[in-house]
Protein backbone atom coordinates (compact mmCIF):
# COMPACT_ATOMS: atom_id res chain seq x y z
CA MET A 1 -36.39 62.26 102.05
CA GLU A 2 -32.61 62.51 102.43
CA ASN A 3 -32.96 61.88 106.17
CA GLN A 4 -35.12 58.80 105.43
CA THR A 5 -32.42 57.47 103.08
CA LYS A 6 -29.79 58.07 105.78
CA THR A 7 -31.78 56.19 108.40
CA THR A 8 -32.48 53.42 105.87
CA LEU A 9 -28.75 53.11 105.17
CA GLU A 10 -27.91 53.14 108.88
CA HIS A 11 -30.57 50.47 109.47
CA GLY A 12 -29.02 48.33 106.73
CA LEU A 13 -25.50 48.75 108.11
CA LYS A 14 -26.63 47.79 111.62
CA TRP A 15 -28.29 44.65 110.27
CA GLY A 16 -25.28 43.98 108.03
CA LEU A 17 -23.14 43.75 111.14
CA ILE A 18 -25.64 41.32 112.65
CA TYR A 19 -25.77 39.33 109.39
CA GLY A 20 -21.98 39.10 109.19
CA MET A 21 -21.53 38.14 112.84
CA ALA A 22 -24.30 35.53 112.59
CA ASN A 23 -22.61 33.96 109.56
CA ILE A 24 -19.28 33.88 111.37
CA ALA A 25 -20.99 32.25 114.38
CA PHE A 26 -22.63 29.57 112.18
CA PHE A 27 -19.33 28.95 110.39
CA LEU A 28 -17.41 28.67 113.68
CA ILE A 29 -19.98 26.32 115.20
CA ALA A 30 -19.77 24.06 112.15
CA TYR A 31 -15.98 24.33 112.15
CA LEU A 32 -15.73 23.38 115.81
CA ILE A 33 -18.31 20.56 115.68
CA ASP A 34 -17.16 18.91 112.45
CA LYS A 35 -15.21 20.63 109.67
CA THR A 36 -16.86 18.38 107.09
CA LEU A 37 -20.03 20.42 107.61
CA LEU A 38 -18.29 23.25 105.76
CA VAL A 39 -18.71 21.33 102.48
CA SER A 40 -22.13 19.89 103.30
CA MET A 41 -24.95 20.82 100.94
CA TRP A 42 -27.43 20.50 103.82
CA PHE A 43 -25.46 22.93 105.97
CA SER A 44 -25.09 25.36 103.06
CA GLY A 45 -28.82 25.14 102.34
CA GLY A 46 -29.66 25.82 105.97
CA ILE A 47 -27.35 28.84 106.04
CA PHE A 48 -28.96 30.10 102.81
CA ILE A 49 -32.43 30.00 104.42
CA ILE A 50 -31.18 31.70 107.59
CA ASN A 51 -29.50 34.38 105.46
CA LEU A 52 -32.76 35.03 103.58
CA ILE A 53 -34.51 35.53 106.91
CA LEU A 54 -31.72 37.89 108.00
CA LEU A 55 -32.27 39.89 104.79
CA ILE A 56 -36.07 39.95 105.03
CA PHE A 57 -36.42 40.82 108.72
CA PRO A 58 -34.74 44.28 108.57
CA VAL A 59 -36.94 45.30 105.61
CA ILE A 60 -40.10 44.27 107.44
CA ALA A 61 -38.93 46.09 110.58
CA LYS A 62 -38.28 49.29 108.61
CA ARG A 63 -41.59 48.92 106.77
CA LYS A 64 -43.39 48.83 110.13
CA GLU A 65 -41.49 51.97 111.12
CA PHE A 66 -42.71 53.62 107.89
CA LYS A 67 -46.35 52.85 108.84
CA GLY A 68 -46.58 49.70 106.75
CA LEU A 69 -45.17 51.21 103.56
CA ILE A 70 -41.75 50.88 101.96
CA SER A 71 -40.57 51.71 98.47
CA PHE A 72 -38.65 49.32 96.25
CA ASN A 73 -35.65 51.65 96.57
CA ASP A 74 -35.64 51.64 100.38
CA ALA A 75 -36.20 47.87 100.52
CA PHE A 76 -33.34 47.35 98.06
CA ILE A 77 -30.99 49.69 99.96
CA ILE A 78 -31.65 47.80 103.19
CA CYS A 79 -31.22 44.32 101.66
CA PHE A 80 -28.13 45.23 99.69
CA THR A 81 -26.50 47.10 102.58
CA VAL A 82 -27.15 44.16 104.91
CA PHE A 83 -25.65 41.80 102.33
CA LEU A 84 -22.69 44.12 101.63
CA GLY A 85 -21.82 44.56 105.32
CA GLY A 86 -22.22 40.88 106.06
CA ALA A 87 -20.15 39.77 103.07
CA LEU A 88 -17.35 42.17 103.97
CA ILE A 89 -17.19 40.93 107.56
CA GLN A 90 -17.40 37.30 106.49
CA ASN A 91 -14.65 37.66 103.85
CA ILE A 92 -12.28 39.30 106.33
CA PHE A 93 -12.96 36.47 108.79
CA THR A 94 -12.42 33.84 106.07
CA PHE A 95 -9.06 35.39 105.15
CA PHE A 96 -7.85 35.26 108.75
CA LEU A 97 -9.20 31.77 109.33
CA TYR A 98 -7.53 30.26 106.27
CA ASN A 99 -4.26 32.19 106.52
CA PHE A 100 -3.56 32.52 110.24
CA ILE A 101 -5.85 30.34 112.37
CA ASP A 102 -6.00 27.08 110.37
CA THR A 103 -3.52 27.14 107.51
CA GLY A 104 -4.38 23.54 106.60
CA LEU A 105 -8.09 24.30 106.11
CA ALA A 106 -7.78 24.91 102.36
CA GLU A 107 -6.29 21.45 101.81
CA PHE A 108 -8.88 19.87 104.11
CA ILE A 109 -11.73 21.54 102.17
CA LYS A 110 -10.18 20.36 98.90
CA GLN A 111 -10.02 16.75 100.12
CA GLN A 112 -13.59 16.88 101.42
CA THR A 113 -14.74 18.33 98.10
CA ILE A 114 -13.05 15.45 96.27
CA GLU A 115 -14.70 12.88 98.56
CA SER A 116 -18.13 14.52 98.17
CA THR A 117 -17.73 14.67 94.40
CA VAL A 118 -16.70 11.01 94.15
CA SER A 119 -19.69 10.02 96.28
CA LEU A 120 -22.11 12.15 94.25
CA LEU A 121 -20.77 11.01 90.87
CA GLY A 122 -20.87 7.40 92.03
CA LYS A 123 -24.61 7.77 92.60
CA PHE A 124 -25.01 8.75 88.95
CA ASN A 125 -23.21 5.57 87.83
CA LEU A 126 -20.59 7.48 85.87
CA GLU A 127 -17.66 5.63 84.43
CA GLN A 128 -14.40 5.69 86.36
CA ASP A 129 -12.59 7.80 83.73
CA GLN A 130 -15.23 10.56 84.14
CA ILE A 131 -14.85 10.41 87.92
CA ASP A 132 -11.05 10.51 87.57
CA LYS A 133 -11.31 13.60 85.35
CA ALA A 134 -13.53 15.34 87.91
CA ILE A 135 -11.03 14.48 90.67
CA SER A 136 -8.15 15.74 88.54
CA ASP A 137 -10.00 19.01 87.89
CA ILE A 138 -10.57 19.55 91.62
CA GLN A 139 -6.97 18.65 92.48
CA SER A 140 -5.70 21.27 90.03
CA GLN A 141 -7.73 24.00 91.77
CA ASP A 142 -6.18 26.26 94.38
CA PHE A 143 -8.36 26.45 97.50
CA THR A 144 -6.16 28.97 99.35
CA GLN A 145 -7.71 32.29 100.33
CA THR A 146 -5.39 35.02 99.08
CA PRO A 147 -6.34 38.72 99.21
CA ALA A 148 -6.93 38.63 95.43
CA ARG A 149 -9.18 35.56 95.67
CA ILE A 150 -11.11 37.02 98.61
CA SER A 151 -11.59 40.28 96.67
CA LEU A 152 -12.86 38.39 93.64
CA GLN A 153 -15.24 36.35 95.81
CA PHE A 154 -16.48 39.60 97.37
CA PHE A 155 -17.08 41.08 93.90
CA TYR A 156 -19.04 38.03 92.76
CA SER A 157 -21.01 37.98 96.00
CA MET A 158 -22.00 41.61 95.35
CA ILE A 159 -23.50 40.61 92.01
CA TYR A 160 -25.33 37.73 93.68
CA GLY A 161 -26.34 39.96 96.59
CA GLY A 162 -27.63 42.62 94.23
CA LEU A 163 -29.84 40.11 92.44
CA ILE A 164 -31.17 38.63 95.68
CA SER A 165 -31.75 42.14 97.05
CA MET A 166 -33.71 43.18 93.95
CA ILE A 167 -35.91 40.09 94.16
CA LEU A 168 -36.57 40.55 97.88
CA ALA A 169 -37.19 44.30 97.45
CA ALA A 170 -39.73 43.59 94.70
CA ILE A 171 -41.50 41.10 96.96
CA LEU A 172 -41.37 43.17 100.16
CA LYS A 173 -42.15 46.66 98.80
CA LYS A 174 -45.49 48.09 99.73
CA ALA A 175 -46.71 51.28 98.13
CA PRO A 176 -49.68 53.32 99.34
CA LYS A 177 -53.01 52.36 97.80
CA VAL A 178 -54.29 54.74 95.19
CA SER A 179 -57.99 55.45 95.45
CA ASP A 180 -60.22 55.07 92.42
CA PHE A 181 -61.80 58.43 93.27
CA GLU A 182 -58.64 60.57 93.11
């Protein structure tokens, strides 16, 4: 059983590397095509769906290897390890992108967030003073990516990743059938 856990962990780490590199590739493509995609809800939604697929696929592959069966524990270990590895890689990339490659990206993202918020709030016919307050709140936020902020984002993503991993593990687990005659 210990060997199975080791191979399950190794499987998760391998797919975590794939997950992280795929997210970096999607981010870079969006960044190079049009940086405004980085604050697009459609782009974020698409990445979310792709990430779910990248979490589900390794569990299904390992379940096939285990002759169609996988425990909740093994499914969770795979999902969470994939998420953990991917989030770590992605956060390291984000730190370098914001602090060394494009030091103006934080301000650009802030401005795009303000524009998106104004557009969205305008659709709800809010009064100008409410829109101004929302803009003021965004302007007071710091969008830079410091080591402390990246670490905090990583911590929060682990909570989120744990929840998603539990849900997916519960859905994807497959225990052996117990006969009525045993």
